[in-house]
C-alpha atoms as a PDB file:
ATOM      1  CA  MET A   1       0.000   0.000   0.000  1.00  0.00           C
ATOM      2  CA  LEU A   2       1.264   3.454  -0.783  1.00  0.00           C
ATOM      3  CA  ALA A   3       2.193   5.995   1.826  1.00  0.00           C
ATOM      4  CA  GLY A   4      -0.929   7.805   2.963  1.00  0.00           C
ATOM      5  CA  SER A   5      -3.289   5.041   1.826  1.00  0.00           C
ATOM      6  CA  PHE A   6      -5.635   2.914   3.944  1.00  0.00           C
ATOM      7  CA  ARG A   7      -6.138   4.576   7.293  1.00  0.00           C
ATOM      8  CA  CYS A   8      -3.956   3.273   9.438  1.00  0.00           C
ATOM      9  CA  CYS A   9      -6.158 -25.344   6.597  1.00  0.00           C
ATOM     10  CA  HIS A  10      -9.120 -24.540   5.075  1.00  0.00           C
ATOM     11  CA  CYS A  11      -9.309 -27.355   7.559  1.00  0.00           C
ATOM     12  CA  HIS A  12     -11.155 -26.325  10.700  1.00  0.00           C
ATOM     13  CA  LYS A  13     -14.528 -25.520  12.108  1.00  0.00           C
ATOM     14  CA  PRO A  14     -14.793 -23.411  15.259  1.00  0.00           C
ATOM     15  CA  PHE A  15     -14.004 -25.106  18.552  1.00  0.00           C
ATOM     16  CA  LEU A  16     -17.236 -26.341  20.111  1.00  0.00           C
ATOM     17  CA  SER A  17     -17.385 -27.684  23.658  1.00  0.00           C
ATOM     18  CA  GLY A  18     -13.678 -28.330  23.618  1.00  0.00           C
ATOM     19  CA  THR A  19     -13.773 -30.527  20.524  1.00  0.00           C
ATOM     20  CA  ARG A  20     -11.893 -29.964  17.289  1.00  0.00           C
ATOM     21  CA  THR A  21     -13.307 -30.927  13.910  1.00  0.00           C
ATOM     22  CA  ILE A  22     -11.018 -31.041  10.890  1.00  0.00           C
ATOM     23  CA  ARG A  23     -11.859 -31.102   7.199  1.00  0.00           C
ATOM     24  CA  THR A  24      -9.266 -32.226   4.737  1.00  0.00           C
ATOM     25  CA  SER A  25      -9.085 -30.700   1.301  1.00  0.00           C
ATOM     26  CA  ALA A  26     -10.799 -33.815  -0.013  1.00  0.00           C
ATOM     27  CA  ASN A  27     -14.084 -33.119   1.748  1.00  0.00           C
ATOM     28  CA  ARG A  28     -13.981 -29.402   2.530  1.00  0.00           C
ATOM     29  CA  PRO A  29     -16.172 -27.129   0.437  1.00  0.00           C
ATOM     30  CA  PRO A  30     -14.236 -24.138  -0.946  1.00  0.00           C
ATOM     31  CA  GLY A  31     -14.661 -20.850   0.819  1.00  0.00           C
ATOM     32  CA  HIS A  32     -15.829 -22.337   4.137  1.00  0.00           C
ATOM     33  CA  HIS A  33     -17.016 -19.498   6.366  1.00  0.00           C
ATOM     34  CA  ALA A  34     -16.927 -19.433  10.131  1.00  0.00           C
ATOM     35  CA  VAL A  35     -18.116 -16.746  12.530  1.00  0.00           C
ATOM     36  CA  TYR A  36     -16.638 -16.661  16.010  1.00  0.00           C
ATOM     37  CA  SER A  37     -18.298 -14.739  18.793  1.00  0.00           C
ATOM     38  CA  SER A  38     -16.297 -12.779  21.329  1.00  0.00           C
ATOM     39  CA  SER A  39     -17.081 -15.286  24.087  1.00  0.00           C
ATOM     40  CA  LYS A  40     -14.138 -17.055  25.695  1.00  0.00           C
ATOM     41  CA  SER A  41     -12.775 -19.918  23.645  1.00  0.00           C
ATOM     42  CA  SER A  42     -12.551 -23.370  25.188  1.00  0.00           C
ATOM     43  CA  THR A  43      -9.112 -23.848  23.708  1.00  0.00           C
ATOM     44  CA  SER A  44      -6.086 -21.871  24.828  1.00  0.00           C
ATOM     45  CA  PRO A  45      -2.512 -21.649  23.558  1.00  0.00           C
ATOM     46  CA  ALA A  46      -1.404 -23.578  26.624  1.00  0.00           C
ATOM     47  CA  ASN A  47      -3.371 -26.746  25.867  1.00  0.00           C
ATOM     48  CA  SER A  48      -3.610 -26.609  22.073  1.00  0.00           C
ATOM     49  CA  THR A  49       0.059 -27.540  21.700  1.00  0.00           C
ATOM     50  CA  ALA A  50      -0.706 -30.929  23.194  1.00  0.00           C
ATOM     51  CA  GLN A  51      -3.581 -31.370  20.748  1.00  0.00           C
ATOM     52  CA  ARG A  52      -1.408 -30.714  17.744  1.00  0.00           C
ATOM     53  CA  GLY A  53       1.486 -32.834  18.976  1.00  0.00           C
ATOM     54  CA  LYS A  54       5.077 -31.980  18.172  1.00  0.00           C
ATOM     55  CA  GLN A  55       4.559 -30.703  14.682  1.00  0.00           C
ATOM     56  CA  LYS A  56       7.227 -28.256  13.597  1.00  0.00           C
ATOM     57  CA  ARG A  57       6.139 -25.337  11.448  1.00  0.00           C
ATOM     58  CA  ALA A  58       7.484 -21.910  10.590  1.00  0.00           C
ATOM     59  CA  VAL A  59       5.450 -18.713  10.573  1.00  0.00           C
ATOM     60  CA  VAL A  60       6.486 -15.466   8.905  1.00  0.00           C
ATOM     61  CA  ILE A  61       4.618 -12.445  10.245  1.00  0.00           C
ATOM     62  CA  MET A  62       4.170  -9.647   7.734  1.00  0.00           C
ATOM     63  CA  PRO A  63       3.514  -6.139   9.154  1.00  0.00           C
ATOM     64  CA  GLY A  64       0.731  -3.903   7.932  1.00  0.00           C
ATOM     65  CA  LEU A  65       0.947  -0.353   6.626  1.00  0.00           C
ATOM     66  CA  GLY A  66       2.602   1.973   9.119  1.00  0.00           C
ATOM     67  CA  ASN A  67       3.437  -0.880  11.450  1.00  0.00           C
ATOM     68  CA  ALA A  68       6.875  -2.088  12.464  1.00  0.00           C
ATOM     69  CA  LYS A  69       8.471  -5.348  13.507  1.00  0.00           C
ATOM     70  CA  ASN A  70       8.264  -4.530  17.215  1.00  0.00           C
ATOM     71  CA  ASP A  71       4.463  -4.178  17.031  1.00  0.00           C
ATOM     72  CA  TYR A  72       4.190  -7.946  16.528  1.00  0.00           C
ATOM     73  CA  LYS A  73       6.673  -9.112  19.148  1.00  0.00           C
ATOM     74  CA  ALA A  74       3.963 -10.228  21.595  1.00  0.00           C
ATOM     75  CA  LEU A  75       2.154 -12.173  18.841  1.00  0.00           C
ATOM     76  CA  ALA A  76       5.392 -13.898  17.838  1.00  0.00           C
ATOM     77  CA  GLU A  77       6.020 -14.879  21.459  1.00  0.00           C
ATOM     78  CA  LEU A  78       2.551 -16.425  21.735  1.00  0.00           C
ATOM     79  CA  LEU A  79       3.159 -18.448  18.570  1.00  0.00           C
ATOM     80  CA  MET A  80       6.532 -19.637  19.824  1.00  0.00           C
ATOM     81  CA  LYS A  81       4.887 -20.837  23.039  1.00  0.00           C
ATOM     82  CA  GLU A  82       2.784 -23.007  20.735  1.00  0.00           C
ATOM     83  CA  GLY A  83       5.922 -24.692  19.447  1.00  0.00           C
ATOM     84  CA  LEU A  84       6.005 -22.718  16.198  1.00  0.00           C
ATOM     85  CA  THR A  85       9.074 -20.981  14.802  1.00  0.00           C
ATOM     86  CA  ALA A  86       7.987 -17.378  14.297  1.00  0.00           C
ATOM     87  CA  GLU A  87       9.873 -14.621  12.541  1.00  0.00           C
ATOM     88  CA  ILE A  88       8.694 -11.106  11.770  1.00  0.00           C
ATOM     89  CA  ALA A  89       9.679  -9.516   8.481  1.00  0.00           C
ATOM     90  CA  SER A  90      12.143  -6.757   9.284  1.00  0.00           C
ATOM     91  CA  VAL A  91      10.061  -3.646   8.611  1.00  0.00           C
ATOM     92  CA  ASN A  92      10.472  -0.303  10.358  1.00  0.00           C
ATOM     93  CA  ARG A  93       7.897   2.458  10.368  1.00  0.00           C
ATOM     94  CA  ILE A  94      10.079   4.773   8.327  1.00  0.00           C
ATOM     95  CA  ASP A  95      10.412   2.111   5.618  1.00  0.00           C
ATOM     96  CA  TRP A  96       6.885   2.815   4.438  1.00  0.00           C
ATOM     97  CA  LEU A  97       8.066   6.147   3.070  1.00  0.00           C
ATOM     98  CA  ARG A  98       9.746   4.118   0.323  1.00  0.00           C
ATOM     99  CA  ASN A  99       6.309   3.683  -1.248  1.00  0.00           C
ATOM    100  CA  ALA A 100       6.334   7.369  -2.070  1.00  0.00           C
ATOM    101  CA  ALA A 101       8.647   6.448  -4.955  1.00  0.00           C
ATOM    102  CA  GLY A 102       5.508   5.420  -6.817  1.00  0.00           C
ATOM    103  CA  VAL A 103       4.433   9.020  -7.306  1.00  0.00           C
ATOM    104  CA  VAL A 104       7.046   9.500 -10.053  1.00  0.00           C
ATOM    105  CA  ASP A 105       5.313   6.832 -12.142  1.00  0.00           C
ATOM    106  CA  ILE A 106       2.665   8.228 -14.476  1.00  0.00           C
ATOM    107  CA  ASN A 107       0.529   5.164 -13.679  1.00  0.00           C
ATOM    108  CA  TYR A 108       0.236   6.372 -10.087  1.00  0.00           C
ATOM    109  CA  TRP A 109      -1.715   9.404 -11.294  1.00  0.00           C
ATOM    110  CA  LYS A 110      -3.732   7.330 -13.742  1.00  0.00           C
ATOM    111  CA  GLY A 111      -4.657   4.828 -11.017  1.00  0.00           C
ATOM    112  CA  THR A 112      -3.056   1.939 -12.916  1.00  0.00           C
ATOM    113  CA  LEU A 113       0.090   1.443 -10.833  1.00  0.00           C
ATOM    114  CA  ASN A 114       1.723  -2.002 -10.817  1.00  0.00           C
ATOM    115  CA  PRO A 115       3.251  -3.289  -7.562  1.00  0.00           C
ATOM    116  CA  GLN A 116       6.792  -3.510  -8.839  1.00  0.00           C
ATOM    117  CA  PRO A 117       9.138  -1.755  -8.411  1.00  0.00           C
ATOM    118  CA  THR A 118       7.280   0.356  -5.813  1.00  0.00           C
ATOM    119  CA  VAL A 119       6.945  -2.430  -3.207  1.00  0.00           C
ATOM    120  CA  ASN A 120      10.103  -4.384  -4.071  1.00  0.00           C
ATOM    121  CA  TRP A 121      11.658  -3.338  -0.769  1.00  0.00           C
ATOM    122  CA  TYR A 122       8.838  -5.092   1.149  1.00  0.00           C
ATOM    123  CA  LEU A 123       9.028  -8.224  -1.008  1.00  0.00           C
ATOM    124  CA  LYS A 124      12.735  -8.422  -0.189  1.00  0.00           C
ATOM    125  CA  ARG A 125      11.966  -8.306   3.559  1.00  0.00           C
ATOM    126  CA  ILE A 126       9.470 -11.158   3.149  1.00  0.00           C
ATOM    127  CA  ASP A 127      11.982 -13.167   1.158  1.00  0.00           C
ATOM    128  CA  ASP A 128      14.676 -12.683   3.796  1.00  0.00           C
ATOM    129  CA  ALA A 129      12.335 -13.813   6.586  1.00  0.00           C
ATOM    130  CA  VAL A 130      11.103 -16.855   4.632  1.00  0.00           C
ATOM    131  CA  ASN A 131      14.651 -17.972   3.844  1.00  0.00           C
ATOM    132  CA  SER A 132      15.640 -17.466   7.482  1.00  0.00           C
ATOM    133  CA  VAL A 133      12.887 -19.682   8.916  1.00  0.00           C
ATOM    134  CA  LYS A 134      13.550 -22.359   6.308  1.00  0.00           C
ATOM    135  CA  ILE A 135      17.126 -22.566   7.578  1.00  0.00           C
ATOM    136  CA  GLN A 136      16.061 -22.470  11.240  1.00  0.00           C
ATOM    137  CA  THR A 137      13.562 -25.309  10.798  1.00  0.00           C
ATOM    138  CA  ASP A 138      15.466 -27.361   8.253  1.00  0.00           C
ATOM    139  CA  GLY A 139      12.806 -26.831   5.624  1.00  0.00           C
ATOM    140  CA  ALA A 140       9.610 -27.104   7.688  1.00  0.00           C
ATOM    141  CA  PRO A 141       6.422 -25.892   5.933  1.00  0.00           C
ATOM    142  CA  VAL A 142       5.887 -22.146   6.126  1.00  0.00           C
ATOM    143  CA  THR A 143       2.745 -20.165   6.915  1.00  0.00           C
ATOM    144  CA  LEU A 144       2.653 -16.555   5.795  1.00  0.00           C
ATOM    145  CA  LEU A 145       0.728 -14.631   8.464  1.00  0.00           C
ATOM    146  CA  ALA A 146      -0.055 -11.251   6.973  1.00  0.00           C
ATOM    147  CA  HIS A 147      -1.625  -8.264   8.709  1.00  0.00           C
ATOM    148  CA  SER A 148      -3.503  -5.492   6.899  1.00  0.00           C
ATOM    149  CA  ALA A 149      -1.602  -4.365   3.757  1.00  0.00           C
ATOM    150  CA  GLY A 150       0.692  -7.344   4.326  1.00  0.00           C
ATOM    151  CA  GLY A 151      -2.168  -9.460   2.969  1.00  0.00           C
ATOM    152  CA  TRP A 152      -2.162  -8.155  -0.582  1.00  0.00           C
ATOM    153  CA  LEU A 153       1.608  -7.722  -0.433  1.00  0.00           C
ATOM    154  CA  SER A 154       1.877 -11.432   0.367  1.00  0.00           C
ATOM    155  CA  ARG A 155      -0.208 -12.211  -2.731  1.00  0.00           C
ATOM    156  CA  VAL A 156       2.202 -10.113  -4.808  1.00  0.00           C
ATOM    157  CA  TYR A 157       5.089 -11.987  -3.201  1.00  0.00           C
ATOM    158  CA  LEU A 158       3.658 -15.416  -4.052  1.00  0.00           C
ATOM    159  CA  LEU A 159       2.943 -14.284  -7.602  1.00  0.00           C
ATOM    160  CA  SER A 160       6.425 -12.904  -8.172  1.00  0.00           C
ATOM    161  CA  LYS A 161       8.597 -15.247  -6.100  1.00  0.00           C
ATOM    162  CA  GLY A 162       6.671 -18.530  -6.262  1.00  0.00           C
ATOM    163  CA  THR A 163       5.404 -20.780  -3.458  1.00  0.00           C
ATOM    164  CA  THR A 164       8.386 -23.022  -2.732  1.00  0.00           C
ATOM    165  CA  GLY A 165       8.131 -24.264   0.855  1.00  0.00           C
ATOM    166  CA  ILE A 166       5.019 -22.206   1.624  1.00  0.00           C
ATOM    167  CA  ASP A 167       1.715 -24.034   2.069  1.00  0.00           C
ATOM    168  CA  ARG A 168      -0.497 -21.495   3.893  1.00  0.00           C
ATOM    169  CA  LEU A 169      -1.461 -17.874   3.681  1.00  0.00           C
ATOM    170  CA  VAL A 170      -3.434 -16.476   6.597  1.00  0.00           C
ATOM    171  CA  THR A 171      -4.420 -12.818   6.403  1.00  0.00           C
ATOM    172  CA  ILE A 172      -5.805 -10.768   9.285  1.00  0.00           C
ATOM    173  CA  GLY A 173      -7.656  -7.524   8.642  1.00  0.00           C
ATOM    174  CA  SER A 174      -6.311  -7.263   5.086  1.00  0.00           C
ATOM    175  CA  PRO A 175      -7.898  -5.145   2.333  1.00  0.00           C
ATOM    176  CA  HIS A 176      -7.931  -7.593  -0.568  1.00  0.00           C
ATOM    177  CA  LEU A 177     -10.327  -6.004  -3.022  1.00  0.00           C
ATOM    178  CA  PRO A 178     -10.252  -2.668  -4.848  1.00  0.00           C
ATOM    179  CA  PRO A 179     -13.318  -0.474  -4.345  1.00  0.00           C
ATOM    180  CA  PRO A 180     -16.023  -1.097  -6.954  1.00  0.00           C
ATOM    181  CA  GLN A 181     -15.919   1.302  -9.891  1.00  0.00           C
ATOM    182  CA  GLU A 182     -19.508   2.377  -9.338  1.00  0.00           C
ATOM    183  CA  ALA A 183     -18.554   3.655  -5.875  1.00  0.00           C
ATOM    184  CA  LYS A 184     -16.529   6.436  -7.529  1.00  0.00           C
ATOM    185  CA  VAL A 185     -13.906   6.519  -4.783  1.00  0.00           C
ATOM    186  CA  MET A 186     -10.168   6.584  -5.300  1.00  0.00           C
ATOM    187  CA  ASP A 187      -8.291   3.301  -5.040  1.00  0.00           C
ATOM    188  CA  GLN A 188      -5.842   4.255  -2.323  1.00  0.00           C
ATOM    189  CA  THR A 189      -3.250   1.825  -3.686  1.00  0.00           C
ATOM    190  CA  ARG A 190      -3.444   3.745  -6.974  1.00  0.00           C
ATOM    191  CA  GLY A 191      -4.227   0.611  -8.944  1.00  0.00           C
ATOM    192  CA  ILE A 192      -2.146  -2.041  -7.202  1.00  0.00           C
ATOM    193  CA  LEU A 193      -5.166  -3.808  -5.688  1.00  0.00           C
ATOM    194  CA  THR A 194      -6.774  -3.894  -9.117  1.00  0.00           C
ATOM    195  CA  TYR A 195      -3.585  -5.415 -10.515  1.00  0.00           C
ATOM    196  CA  VAL A 196      -3.506  -8.045  -7.772  1.00  0.00           C
ATOM    197  CA  GLU A 197      -7.155  -8.966  -8.246  1.00  0.00           C
ATOM    198  CA  GLN A 198      -6.694  -9.279 -12.007  1.00  0.00           C
ATOM    199  CA  ASN A 199      -3.479 -11.313 -11.855  1.00  0.00           C
ATOM    200  CA  CYS A 200      -3.974 -13.548  -8.816  1.00  0.00           C
ATOM    201  CA  PRO A 201      -7.654 -13.430  -7.784  1.00  0.00           C
ATOM    202  CA  GLY A 202      -9.103 -15.337  -4.847  1.00  0.00           C
ATOM    203  CA  ARG A 203      -7.521 -18.656  -3.953  1.00  0.00           C
ATOM    204  CA  PHE A 204      -5.115 -18.357  -6.859  1.00  0.00           C
ATOM    205  CA  HIS A 205      -2.468 -20.937  -5.905  1.00  0.00           C
ATOM    206  CA  SER A 206      -4.133 -24.338  -5.641  1.00  0.00           C
ATOM    207  CA  ASN A 207      -1.283 -25.760  -3.548  1.00  0.00           C
ATOM    208  CA  ILE A 208      -1.732 -23.180  -0.802  1.00  0.00           C
ATOM    209  CA  GLU A 209      -4.323 -23.016   1.953  1.00  0.00           C
ATOM    210  CA  TYR A 210      -5.900 -19.547   2.048  1.00  0.00           C
ATOM    211  CA  VAL A 211      -7.557 -18.233   5.213  1.00  0.00           C
ATOM    212  CA  THR A 212      -8.903 -14.689   5.517  1.00  0.00           C
ATOM    213  CA  VAL A 213      -9.690 -13.401   9.003  1.00  0.00           C
ATOM    214  CA  ALA A 214     -11.843 -10.295   9.485  1.00  0.00           C
ATOM    215  CA  GLY A 215     -12.947  -8.410  12.582  1.00  0.00           C
ATOM    216  CA  LYS A 216     -16.484  -7.251  13.404  1.00  0.00           C
ATOM    217  CA  TYR A 217     -15.705  -4.435  15.809  1.00  0.00           C
ATOM    218  CA  ILE A 218     -17.776  -1.417  14.750  1.00  0.00           C
ATOM    219  CA  GLN A 219     -20.369  -0.578  12.142  1.00  0.00           C
ATOM    220  CA  GLY A 220     -19.703   2.551  10.136  1.00  0.00           C
ATOM    221  CA  ALA A 221     -22.176   5.286   9.294  1.00  0.00           C
ATOM    222  CA  GLY A 222     -22.598   8.057   6.771  1.00  0.00           C
ATOM    223  CA  LEU A 223     -21.550  11.559   7.754  1.00  0.00           C
ATOM    224  CA  ARG A 224     -25.192  12.734   7.711  1.00  0.00           C
ATOM    225  CA  ASP A 225     -26.729   9.680   9.352  1.00  0.00           C
ATOM    226  CA  LYS A 226     -28.934  10.737  12.245  1.00  0.00           C
ATOM    227  CA  GLY A 227     -28.379   8.899  15.490  1.00  0.00           C
ATOM    228  CA  ALA A 228     -24.908   7.694  14.508  1.00  0.00           C
ATOM    229  CA  THR A 229     -22.005   8.362  16.855  1.00  0.00           C
ATOM    230  CA  ILE A 230     -18.982  10.422  15.875  1.00  0.00           C
ATOM    231  CA  PRO A 231     -16.725   7.315  15.954  1.00  0.00           C
ATOM    232  CA  GLN A 232     -19.147   5.538  13.607  1.00  0.00           C
ATOM    233  CA  LYS A 233     -19.046   8.445  11.161  1.00  0.00           C
ATOM    234  CA  ILE A 234     -15.251   8.618  11.255  1.00  0.00           C
ATOM    235  CA  VAL A 235     -14.938   4.874  10.746  1.00  0.00           C
ATOM    236  CA  GLY A 236     -17.604   4.970   8.045  1.00  0.00           C
ATOM    237  CA  ALA A 237     -15.611   7.521   6.073  1.00  0.00           C
ATOM    238  CA  GLY A 238     -12.698   5.084   6.092  1.00  0.00           C
ATOM    239  CA  TYR A 239     -14.841   2.110   5.100  1.00  0.00           C
ATOM    240  CA  GLN A 240     -16.247   4.195   2.244  1.00  0.00           C
ATOM    241  CA  GLN A 241     -12.768   4.644   0.796  1.00  0.00           C
ATOM    242  CA  VAL A 242     -11.980   0.942   1.062  1.00  0.00           C
ATOM    243  CA  CYS A 243     -15.164  -0.712  -0.210  1.00  0.00           C
ATOM    244  CA  GLY A 244     -17.429   2.122  -1.354  1.00  0.00           C
ATOM    245  CA  ASN A 245     -19.918   1.725   1.501  1.00  0.00           C
ATOM    246  CA  ALA A 246     -19.805   3.572   4.825  1.00  0.00           C
ATOM    247  CA  ARG A 247     -22.600   1.608   6.523  1.00  0.00           C
ATOM    248  CA  VAL A 248     -20.918  -1.762   6.871  1.00  0.00           C
ATOM    249  CA  TRP A 249     -19.246  -3.668   9.681  1.00  0.00           C
ATOM    250  CA  GLY A 250     -15.514  -3.987  10.020  1.00  0.00           C
ATOM    251  CA  ASP A 251     -12.568  -3.962  12.399  1.00  0.00           C
ATOM    252  CA  GLY A 252     -12.440  -0.175  12.599  1.00  0.00           C
ATOM    253  CA  ILE A 253     -10.198   0.165   9.534  1.00  0.00           C
ATOM    254  CA  ILE A 254     -11.036  -2.639   7.079  1.00  0.00           C
ATOM    255  CA  PRO A 255     -14.640  -3.624   6.231  1.00  0.00           C
ATOM    256  CA  ILE A 256     -15.466  -7.312   6.481  1.00  0.00           C
ATOM    257  CA  GLU A 257     -16.434  -7.541   2.815  1.00  0.00           C
ATOM    258  CA  ALA A 258     -13.026  -6.262   1.704  1.00  0.00           C
ATOM    259  CA  ALA A 259     -11.117  -8.598   4.035  1.00  0.00           C
ATOM    260  CA  HIS A 260     -12.294 -11.908   2.547  1.00  0.00           C
ATOM    261  CA  LEU A 261     -11.135 -13.673  -0.589  1.00  0.00           C
ATOM    262  CA  GLU A 262     -13.276 -15.907  -2.762  1.00  0.00           C
ATOM    263  CA  GLY A 263     -12.382 -19.569  -2.252  1.00  0.00           C
ATOM    264  CA  ALA A 264     -10.588 -18.932   1.042  1.00  0.00           C
ATOM    265  CA  ASP A 265     -11.724 -20.145   4.432  1.00  0.00           C
ATOM    266  CA  GLN A 266     -13.364 -17.004   5.821  1.00  0.00           C
ATOM    267  CA  VAL A 267     -13.266 -16.357   9.553  1.00  0.00           C
ATOM    268  CA  THR A 268     -15.054 -13.380  11.106  1.00  0.00           C
ATOM    269  CA  LEU A 269     -14.259 -12.526  14.730  1.00  0.00           C
ATOM    270  CA  ASP A 270     -16.750 -10.625  16.860  1.00  0.00           C
ATOM    271  CA  GLY A 271     -15.447  -7.627  18.816  1.00  0.00           C
ATOM    272  CA  VAL A 272     -11.960  -7.609  17.305  1.00  0.00           C
ATOM    273  CA  TYR A 273     -10.097  -4.395  16.477  1.00  0.00           C
ATOM    274  CA  HIS A 274      -7.746  -3.908  13.521  1.00  0.00           C
ATOM    275  CA  SER A 275      -4.311  -3.132  14.903  1.00  0.00           C
ATOM    276  CA  PRO A 276      -1.927  -3.899  17.755  1.00  0.00           C
ATOM    277  CA  LEU A 277      -1.533  -0.122  17.956  1.00  0.00           C
ATOM    278  CA  GLY A 278      -4.547   1.039  19.906  1.00  0.00           C
ATOM    279  CA  ALA A 279      -5.457  -2.414  21.209  1.00  0.00           C
ATOM    280  CA  VAL A 280      -6.459  -2.371  24.878  1.00  0.00           C
ATOM    281  CA  LEU A 281      -6.444  -5.311  27.264  1.00  0.00           C
ATOM    282  CA  ALA A 282      -9.472  -5.921  29.488  1.00  0.00           C
ATOM    283  CA  VAL A 283      -8.444  -5.162  33.092  1.00  0.00           C
ATOM    284  CA  ASP A 284     -10.430  -5.439  36.334  1.00  0.00           C
ATOM    285  CA  GLY A 285     -13.686  -6.133  34.559  1.00  0.00           C
ATOM    286  CA  LYS A 286     -13.337  -3.201  32.166  1.00  0.00           C
ATOM    287  CA  VAL A 287     -14.098  -3.854  28.516  1.00  0.00           C
ATOM    288  CA  GLY A 288     -10.949  -3.911  26.411  1.00  0.00           C
ATOM    289  CA  ARG A 289     -10.290  -3.466  22.723  1.00  0.00           C
ATOM    290  CA  PRO A 290      -8.534  -6.655  21.626  1.00  0.00           C
ATOM    291  CA  TRP A 291      -6.919  -7.063  18.240  1.00  0.00           C
ATOM    292  CA  TYR A 292      -6.410 -10.255  16.217  1.00  0.00           C
ATOM    293  CA  GLY A 293      -3.214 -11.150  18.066  1.00  0.00           C
ATOM    294  CA  SER A 294      -4.416 -10.478  21.602  1.00  0.00           C
ATOM    295  CA  PRO A 295      -4.051 -13.425  24.011  1.00  0.00           C
ATOM    296  CA  GLU A 296      -7.827 -13.740  24.403  1.00  0.00           C
ATOM    297  CA  VAL A 297      -8.449 -13.685  20.640  1.00  0.00           C
ATOM    298  CA  LEU A 298      -5.630 -15.777  19.162  1.00  0.00           C
ATOM    299  CA  PRO A 299      -7.045 -19.124  20.407  1.00  0.00           C
ATOM    300  CA  LYS A 300     -10.169 -18.543  18.305  1.00  0.00           C
ATOM    301  CA  TRP A 301      -8.260 -18.782  15.010  1.00  0.00           C
ATOM    302  CA  ILE A 302      -4.767 -20.121  15.737  1.00  0.00           C
ATOM    303  CA  GLN A 303      -5.794 -23.533  14.368  1.00  0.00           C
ATOM    304  CA  HIS A 304      -5.760 -21.985  10.900  1.00  0.00           C
ATOM    305  CA  ILE A 305      -2.050 -21.204  11.199  1.00  0.00           C
ATOM    306  CA  SER A 306      -1.032 -24.770  11.848  1.00  0.00           C
ATOM    307  CA  CYS A 307      -2.814 -28.110  11.831  1.00  0.00           C
ATOM    308  CA  ASP A 308      -1.436 -31.644  12.079  1.00  0.00           C
ATOM    309  CA  GLU A 309       0.337 -32.698   8.913  1.00  0.00           C
ATOM    310  CA  SER A 310      -1.792 -35.857   8.847  1.00  0.00           C
ATOM    311  CA  ASP A 311      -4.875 -33.637   8.544  1.00  0.00           C
ATOM    312  CA  SER A 312      -3.635 -31.593   5.603  1.00  0.00           C
ATOM    313  CA  MET A 313      -3.824 -32.715   1.991  1.00  0.00           C
ATOM    314  CA  VAL A 314      -1.796 -29.751   0.786  1.00  0.00           C
ATOM    315  CA  GLU A 315       1.558 -30.460  -0.812  1.00  0.00           C
ATOM    316  CA  VAL A 316       4.400 -28.016  -0.329  1.00  0.00           C
ATOM    317  CA  GLY A 317       5.675 -27.547  -3.847  1.00  0.00           C
ATOM    318  CA  ASP A 318       6.866 -25.097  -6.405  1.00  0.00           C
ATOM    319  CA  THR A 319       4.986 -22.804  -8.688  1.00  0.00           C
ATOM    320  CA  LEU A 320       6.989 -20.789 -11.159  1.00  0.00           C
ATOM    321  CA  PRO A 321       6.249 -17.060 -10.936  1.00  0.00           C
ATOM    322  CA  PRO A 322       5.170 -15.264 -14.084  1.00  0.00           C
ATOM    323  CA  ASN A 323       6.827 -11.999 -15.036  1.00  0.00           C
ATOM    324  CA  LEU A 324       5.201  -9.025 -13.346  1.00  0.00           C
END
C-alpha cells in the first residue's frame, strides 16, 4: 500500500465444547465461512500444543501499513509458546516512506500502478524472513501470516517469487479487493489492488491453503446519518474509501467484505479491532479493545495457522512465478 493510503487449513470448524473438527481438502467445500463470537474460547494456547502434537512449522509475520516489527513481538512470542518458529519480516515504520517512490510513475496518477518496483523493498523483507525460517527449521512448511496491507503484499510476493516451501497464507484484517468502480472513490493503492485482483484473484495458488480473518468491531455510518455516533461516522468515512460503503461492519479500519477472498476459508471474529496499535487489554472487569493477536483472541483462530500434517492434503511444492 502506498504511503498515505488505507487509514492506518481450510481445515477447521470453530471449537465447540472443547472438541476440534477437521476437514481435509478432499471433503472441505471451498470458501468455508466461520463466525466466532467474542465469548471465551474453550481452547487456549497452553493446551492446544498438546492437541497438535510436536509438529514443527514456521510462521512469517508480515507487518501492515505503518506498522513495524516490534508491534508484533507479543504475537510472535505467543506463537513460539505453541511450538512454532515465528519470525517477523524486518520492517520499520520509516520504511513505508519508500512507497512514495511510486508518485514519479505516471501510472500512479492514472490509477493503474503495478506493484513492482514500488513495493520491491517489502518483497525483499518477506523473502529474507522466509529464507531465514527455512534454515532455522530445516525446511519445515511455512505459513505466511499477513496483517492489513501485508495481505495483498503477500499475494504479490507469491505471484512474483513462487510458493516453494510455503503451504499457507493467513491474512488478518487485510484489504484484498479494490473499491467497486460504481462507488466512484479513489483506489488508495493507486491501482495495485486492481492489478492483484486481475493477476492472482481469490484462492489463486491451488497448492496453498488460504484463510482470511476479518474483525467485526464497529459498524460505520454516513456523515449525515442521524443517530450515529462520531466514531461511527469517522470509521464509516474510512470504510467508504476501502469498499465504497460507509454503513458496513468492520474492524475499525477494514470492512469485512473487503477482508475476505473468494475460495478462502473465511473467519469473522466478533469484537476484534484492527491493529496492535490502539489495542487495549481488558483489566479489572473493564471492557478492552482486543486485536487479532491479543491473548484472548488468538485461540479462536490459531488452528488456521497450523494443523497436524496428517490432517492436511496440501503439498508443499513449487509454482513458477510469471513476469510481473
